[in-house]
């Protein structure tokens, strides 16, 4: 197996490799699933294998001229569309029609190596409406010997017309045992791996990233804030202002995970971490879980983050379970 591919992606990698070897690879692939599971590495490994001049069953050889050009970022038959830099040096927040038109014009030309031309578009869901419409025209009339690979963390945000013209490859969370083994292979101790994986809701890629950047401590702080809200020691406004000032999307992620864990405790007949005791609170927690995830998406809009957070925190089912209700 290609060394860059996570073990839980091995079956998918084998299927893609077989399709490539037999010339049955679809002209448009949509690799979809949560961030942190290796989707982009899978796409890059497929591109490398497709362009390699001495491809093996394991993938690209890494030493031929095509592989060397790809490693240097100068292979003429590989294209990549992602966030472009603005005049002020910051990255744009969407993929534009100009980028897609430039890509389509490039793919309309003949391959310089006489083989396939491949393009990766990621995150595909960041295309604006005009860009998506431009890509749709290309997907409807694909050039020969071209393969487009769309990588999306939130595939549902892509237009249905785009999704219907792609072969979808869904990447799901691996079994917990496999995820823990992978984390230990990356150098995490058993206890640290288990803690990080639980905080990342079973996502090993996020668990590895978070174990080294302080976000696990952020998760603990979020638990403290929700407990204070439940116990009447803080208001929803106070928590909203605190969360809005520092990584609000990450805080909402941890809050959603905590709501799910609370529901699981109640389902087992245990007392909830935040003071809930009745099993009929589970539907409320499920609704709040969905509300928190929706709020994460709203943070990408022009809405003021503290107002987005205030609305979801006011709906926290455990609010006021302790000293007083707000």
Protein backbone atom coordinates (compact mmCIF):
# COMPACT_ATOMS: atom_id res chain seq x y z
CA UNK A 1 0.00 0.00 0.00
CA UNK A 2 1.13 3.56 -0.68
CA UNK A 3 2.86 4.81 2.48
CA UNK A 4 0.89 8.09 2.44
CA UNK A 5 -2.46 6.31 2.63
CA UNK A 6 -4.03 5.77 6.06
CA UNK A 7 -4.76 2.10 6.85
CA UNK A 8 -8.53 2.62 6.95
CA UNK A 9 -8.34 3.81 3.33
CA UNK A 10 -6.58 0.70 2.05
CA UNK A 11 -9.73 -0.95 0.59
CA UNK A 12 -10.63 2.27 -1.22
CA UNK A 13 -7.06 2.65 -2.46
CA UNK A 14 -7.08 -0.89 -3.81
CA UNK A 15 -10.33 -0.31 -5.69
CA UNK A 16 -9.06 2.93 -7.21
CA UNK A 17 -5.78 1.27 -8.18
CA UNK A 18 -7.62 -1.55 -9.92
CA UNK A 19 -9.81 0.93 -11.80
CA UNK A 20 -6.70 2.83 -12.87
CA UNK A 21 -4.90 -0.32 -14.06
CA UNK A 22 -7.89 -1.48 -16.08
CA UNK A 23 -8.72 1.91 -17.58
CA UNK A 24 -12.08 2.10 -15.78
CA UNK A 25 -11.37 5.15 -13.62
CA UNK A 26 -14.32 7.56 -13.79
CA UNK A 27 -13.60 10.93 -15.37
CA UNK A 28 -14.92 12.72 -12.26
CA UNK A 29 -14.45 11.51 -8.69
CA UNK A 30 -15.92 13.04 -5.54
CA UNK A 31 -13.97 12.03 -2.43
CA UNK A 32 -16.21 13.01 0.46
CA UNK A 33 -16.02 12.74 4.23
CA UNK A 34 -15.01 14.58 7.40
CA UNK A 35 -11.75 16.51 7.51
CA UNK A 36 -8.83 14.63 9.03
CA UNK A 37 -9.37 11.21 7.45
CA UNK A 38 -6.80 11.42 4.64
CA UNK A 39 -8.98 12.37 1.67
CA UNK A 40 -6.43 14.78 0.21
CA UNK A 41 -3.59 12.31 0.62
CA UNK A 42 -5.71 9.72 -1.17
CA UNK A 43 -6.34 12.12 -4.05
CA UNK A 44 -2.66 13.04 -4.34
CA UNK A 45 -1.60 9.38 -4.25
CA UNK A 46 -4.04 8.60 -7.06
CA UNK A 47 -2.69 11.47 -9.15
CA UNK A 48 0.88 10.30 -8.55
CA UNK A 49 0.03 6.72 -9.53
CA UNK A 50 -1.80 7.85 -12.66
CA UNK A 51 1.10 10.00 -13.85
CA UNK A 52 3.92 7.64 -12.86
CA UNK A 53 5.87 6.13 -15.77
CA UNK A 54 6.86 3.02 -13.80
CA UNK A 55 3.75 2.44 -11.72
CA UNK A 56 3.65 -0.62 -9.45
CA UNK A 57 0.78 -2.29 -7.61
CA UNK A 58 1.71 -0.14 -4.62
CA UNK A 59 1.34 3.10 -6.58
CA UNK A 60 3.83 5.62 -7.92
CA UNK A 61 7.49 4.58 -8.07
CA UNK A 62 8.73 7.94 -6.80
CA UNK A 63 11.89 7.94 -8.94
CA UNK A 64 10.86 8.29 -12.59
CA UNK A 65 10.93 11.65 -14.36
CA UNK A 66 7.16 12.12 -13.93
CA UNK A 67 7.39 11.43 -10.19
CA UNK A 68 10.28 13.84 -9.79
CA UNK A 69 8.39 16.57 -11.64
CA UNK A 70 5.33 15.92 -9.51
CA UNK A 71 7.38 16.14 -6.31
CA UNK A 72 8.78 19.46 -7.51
CA UNK A 73 5.30 20.75 -8.30
CA UNK A 74 6.08 21.22 -11.98
CA UNK A 75 4.38 18.28 -13.70
CA UNK A 76 2.47 19.81 -16.65
CA UNK A 77 -0.35 17.26 -16.54
CA UNK A 78 -1.29 17.81 -12.90
CA UNK A 79 -3.50 20.74 -11.91
CA UNK A 80 -4.69 21.87 -8.50
CA UNK A 81 -7.43 24.35 -7.65
CA UNK A 82 -7.76 25.64 -4.09
CA UNK A 83 -8.04 28.99 -2.32
CA UNK A 84 -6.17 31.68 -4.25
CA UNK A 85 -4.28 34.53 -2.65
CA UNK A 86 -5.86 37.97 -2.61
CA UNK A 87 -4.04 41.24 -3.26
CA UNK A 88 -3.59 41.73 0.49
CA UNK A 89 -1.82 38.38 0.82
CA UNK A 90 -4.72 36.60 2.53
CA UNK A 91 -6.44 33.58 1.03
CA UNK A 92 -9.86 33.88 -0.55
CA UNK A 93 -12.74 32.09 1.15
CA UNK A 94 -14.20 30.64 -2.05
CA UNK A 95 -13.18 29.12 -5.38
CA UNK A 96 -14.01 31.45 -8.26
CA UNK A 97 -15.28 31.10 -11.80
CA UNK A 98 -11.97 32.41 -13.13
CA UNK A 99 -10.15 29.50 -11.49
CA UNK A 100 -12.53 26.95 -12.98
CA UNK A 101 -12.41 28.53 -16.43
CA UNK A 102 -8.61 28.50 -16.34
CA UNK A 103 -8.67 24.85 -15.32
CA UNK A 104 -11.13 23.91 -18.07
CA UNK A 105 -9.03 25.66 -20.70
CA UNK A 106 -5.94 23.83 -19.50
CA UNK A 107 -7.62 20.44 -19.54
CA UNK A 108 -8.90 21.07 -23.07
CA UNK A 109 -5.29 20.94 -24.30
CA UNK A 110 -3.48 17.71 -25.05
CA UNK A 111 -1.48 15.98 -22.34
CA UNK A 112 2.16 16.99 -22.56
CA UNK A 113 3.29 13.52 -21.50
CA UNK A 114 0.83 11.80 -23.79
CA UNK A 115 -1.15 10.20 -20.97
CA UNK A 116 -3.76 11.34 -18.50
CA UNK A 117 -4.33 14.85 -17.24
CA UNK A 118 -5.54 15.10 -13.66
CA UNK A 119 -6.93 17.94 -11.58
CA UNK A 120 -7.71 18.16 -7.88
CA UNK A 121 -10.33 20.68 -6.73
CA UNK A 122 -10.43 21.20 -2.97
CA UNK A 123 -12.34 22.05 -0.96
CA UNK A 124 -14.87 21.54 -3.75
CA UNK A 125 -17.77 22.80 -1.62
CA UNK A 126 -16.07 26.23 -1.54
CA UNK A 127 -16.92 26.89 -5.20
CA UNK A 128 -19.26 29.83 -5.55
CA UNK A 129 -22.38 29.47 -7.71
CA UNK A 130 -20.69 30.76 -10.86
CA UNK A 131 -17.70 28.47 -10.41
CA UNK A 132 -19.96 25.45 -9.85
CA UNK A 133 -21.92 26.25 -13.00
CA UNK A 134 -18.70 26.57 -14.99
CA UNK A 135 -17.47 23.22 -13.66
CA UNK A 136 -20.79 21.60 -14.54
CA UNK A 137 -20.26 22.42 -18.20
CA UNK A 138 -16.86 20.76 -18.10
CA UNK A 139 -18.26 17.69 -16.36
CA UNK A 140 -21.03 17.39 -18.94
CA UNK A 141 -18.54 17.44 -21.81
CA UNK A 142 -15.30 16.05 -20.37
CA UNK A 143 -12.15 16.14 -22.45
CA UNK A 144 -10.70 12.76 -23.31
CA UNK A 145 -8.02 11.35 -20.99
CA UNK A 146 -8.78 13.78 -18.18
CA UNK A 147 -9.75 12.98 -14.60
CA UNK A 148 -11.12 15.54 -12.16
CA UNK A 149 -10.96 14.76 -8.45
CA UNK A 150 -13.22 16.81 -6.19
CA UNK A 151 -12.36 16.64 -2.48
CA UNK A 152 -15.07 17.79 -0.09
CA UNK A 153 -15.43 17.85 3.69
CA UNK A 154 -19.10 18.83 3.28
CA UNK A 155 -20.27 17.25 0.03
CA UNK A 156 -23.91 18.15 0.75
CA UNK A 157 -23.03 21.78 0.04
CA UNK A 158 -22.20 20.92 -3.56
CA UNK A 159 -25.02 21.33 -6.09
CA UNK A 160 -26.86 18.08 -6.79
CA UNK A 161 -26.04 18.51 -10.48
CA UNK A 162 -22.32 18.34 -9.65
CA UNK A 163 -22.67 15.38 -7.32
CA UNK A 164 -24.73 13.41 -9.82
CA UNK A 165 -21.98 13.61 -12.44
CA UNK A 166 -19.25 12.29 -10.17
CA UNK A 167 -18.45 8.84 -8.89
CA UNK A 168 -18.72 9.32 -5.15
CA UNK A 169 -16.12 7.85 -2.81
CA UNK A 170 -17.22 8.20 0.80
CA UNK A 171 -14.58 8.18 3.52
CA UNK A 172 -15.95 7.22 6.93
CA UNK A 173 -14.52 7.14 10.45
CA UNK A 174 -12.40 4.02 11.04
CA UNK A 175 -13.12 1.51 13.81
CA UNK A 176 -11.91 2.78 17.18
CA UNK A 177 -9.33 0.04 17.59
CA UNK A 178 -7.77 0.81 14.20
CA UNK A 179 -7.77 4.54 14.91
CA UNK A 180 -6.07 4.04 18.27
CA UNK A 181 -3.42 1.77 16.73
CA UNK A 182 -2.71 4.40 14.09
CA UNK A 183 -2.39 7.15 16.69
CA UNK A 184 0.02 5.04 18.73
CA UNK A 185 2.06 4.46 15.56
CA UNK A 186 2.30 8.25 15.21
CA UNK A 187 3.96 8.44 18.61
CA UNK A 188 1.06 9.04 21.02
CA UNK A 189 0.90 7.08 24.23
CA UNK A 190 -2.10 4.85 24.80
CA UNK A 191 -3.80 7.15 27.29
CA UNK A 192 -3.09 10.28 25.24
CA UNK A 193 -4.35 8.57 22.07
CA UNK A 194 -7.58 7.53 23.75
CA UNK A 195 -8.15 11.00 25.19
CA UNK A 196 -7.49 12.72 21.87
CA UNK A 197 -9.67 10.29 19.92
CA UNK A 198 -12.57 10.78 22.31
CA UNK A 199 -12.27 14.56 22.04
CA UNK A 200 -12.21 14.33 18.24
CA UNK A 201 -15.32 12.12 18.18
CA UNK A 202 -13.44 9.17 16.71
CA UNK A 203 -11.62 11.12 14.01
CA UNK A 204 -7.94 10.03 14.16
CA UNK A 205 -6.60 12.79 11.93
CA UNK A 206 -8.15 15.51 14.04
CA UNK A 207 -7.07 13.69 17.20
CA UNK A 208 -3.45 13.72 16.06
CA UNK A 209 -3.56 17.40 15.10
CA UNK A 210 -5.30 18.44 18.30
CA UNK A 211 -2.95 16.49 20.54
CA UNK A 212 -0.15 18.88 19.63
CA UNK A 213 -1.79 22.29 19.29
CA UNK A 214 -3.57 22.85 22.58
CA UNK A 215 -7.08 22.20 21.35
CA UNK A 216 -7.62 19.37 23.82
CA UNK A 217 -7.21 21.93 26.59
CA UNK A 218 -9.74 24.06 24.71
CA UNK A 219 -12.17 21.17 24.86
CA UNK A 220 -11.75 20.95 28.62
CA UNK A 221 -12.42 24.68 28.88
CA UNK A 222 -15.63 24.26 26.87
CA UNK A 223 -16.78 21.54 29.24
CA UNK A 224 -16.17 23.92 32.12
CA UNK A 225 -18.17 26.65 30.42
CA UNK A 226 -21.12 24.35 29.76
CA UNK A 227 -20.98 23.13 33.35
CA UNK A 228 -20.99 26.74 34.56
CA UNK A 229 -23.96 27.47 32.31
CA UNK A 230 -25.77 24.41 33.66
CA UNK A 231 -24.97 25.35 37.25
CA UNK A 232 -26.08 28.94 36.91
CA UNK A 233 -22.57 30.27 37.43
CA UNK A 234 -22.40 31.94 34.02
CA UNK A 235 -24.84 33.45 31.55
CA UNK A 236 -25.20 32.46 27.92
CA UNK A 237 -23.97 35.95 26.95
CA UNK A 238 -20.80 35.60 29.03
CA UNK A 239 -19.98 32.24 27.48
CA UNK A 240 -20.85 33.45 23.97
CA UNK A 241 -18.51 36.43 24.26
CA UNK A 242 -15.71 34.22 25.57
CA UNK A 243 -16.14 31.67 22.78
CA UNK A 244 -16.45 34.32 20.05
CA UNK A 245 -13.06 35.75 21.03
CA UNK A 246 -11.12 32.52 20.58
CA UNK A 247 -11.68 29.74 18.00
CA UNK A 248 -15.49 29.67 18.11
CA UNK A 249 -15.85 26.89 15.51
CA UNK A 250 -13.58 24.60 17.51
CA UNK A 251 -15.50 25.35 20.69
CA UNK A 252 -18.80 24.47 19.01
CA UNK A 253 -17.27 21.21 17.81
CA UNK A 254 -16.33 20.26 21.37
CA UNK A 255 -19.72 21.39 22.64
CA UNK A 256 -21.48 19.11 20.13
CA UNK A 257 -19.27 16.19 21.18
CA UNK A 258 -20.10 16.87 24.83
CA UNK A 259 -23.84 16.93 24.06
CA UNK A 260 -23.53 13.57 22.33
CA UNK A 261 -21.62 12.12 25.28
CA UNK A 262 -24.28 13.47 27.65
CA UNK A 263 -27.00 11.73 25.64
CA UNK A 264 -25.07 8.46 25.74
CA UNK A 265 -24.78 8.65 29.53
CA UNK A 266 -28.52 9.19 29.91
CA UNK A 267 -29.25 6.31 27.54
CA UNK A 268 -27.22 4.05 29.82
CA UNK A 269 -29.18 5.18 32.85
CA UNK A 270 -26.30 7.23 34.24
CA UNK A 271 -26.46 10.74 35.64
CA UNK A 272 -25.41 13.30 33.07
CA UNK A 273 -22.19 15.26 33.42
CA UNK A 274 -24.14 18.51 33.39
CA UNK A 275 -26.85 17.59 35.82
CA UNK A 276 -29.42 16.02 33.47
CA UNK A 277 -30.97 12.84 34.80
CA UNK A 278 -34.08 11.99 32.77
CA UNK A 279 -33.87 9.82 29.67
CA UNK A 280 -36.49 12.03 27.99
CA UNK A 281 -33.82 14.75 27.80
CA UNK A 282 -32.07 12.79 25.03
CA UNK A 283 -34.16 14.25 22.15
CA UNK A 284 -33.37 17.74 23.44
CA UNK A 285 -29.65 16.94 23.41
CA UNK A 286 -29.92 15.50 19.90
CA UNK A 287 -31.64 18.67 18.71
CA UNK A 288 -28.99 20.80 20.39
CA UNK A 289 -26.23 18.70 18.79
CA UNK A 290 -27.70 19.54 15.36
CA UNK A 291 -28.11 23.19 16.35
CA UNK A 292 -24.46 23.44 17.42
CA UNK A 293 -23.28 21.97 14.12
CA UNK A 294 -25.52 24.33 12.19
CA UNK A 295 -24.07 27.23 14.17
CA UNK A 296 -20.56 26.16 13.11
CA UNK A 297 -21.60 26.61 9.50
CA UNK A 298 -23.16 29.99 10.26
CA UNK A 299 -19.81 31.20 11.55
CA UNK A 300 -18.67 31.24 7.90
CA UNK A 301 -21.36 33.82 7.07
CA UNK A 302 -21.37 37.59 7.74
CA UNK A 303 -23.42 37.05 10.93
CA UNK A 304 -21.74 38.26 14.11
CA UNK A 305 -20.22 35.21 15.81
CA UNK A 306 -21.26 36.21 19.33
CA UNK A 307 -24.91 36.36 18.21
CA UNK A 308 -24.67 32.95 16.54
CA UNK A 309 -23.15 31.53 19.71
CA UNK A 310 -25.64 33.28 21.99
CA UNK A 311 -28.59 31.67 20.23
CA UNK A 312 -27.21 28.16 20.51
CA UNK A 313 -26.01 28.57 24.10
CA UNK A 314 -29.40 29.88 25.23
CA UNK A 315 -30.86 26.62 23.92
CA UNK A 316 -28.41 24.41 25.90
CA UNK A 317 -30.75 21.81 27.46
CA UNK A 318 -28.81 21.72 30.73
CA UNK A 319 -28.89 25.49 31.24
CA UNK A 320 -30.08 26.35 34.71
CA UNK A 321 -30.05 22.77 36.01
CA UNK A 322 -28.10 23.98 39.01
CA UNK A 323 -28.31 27.22 40.93
CA UNK A 324 -30.52 29.35 38.68
CA UNK A 325 -31.89 29.62 35.16
CA UNK A 326 -31.16 32.40 32.66
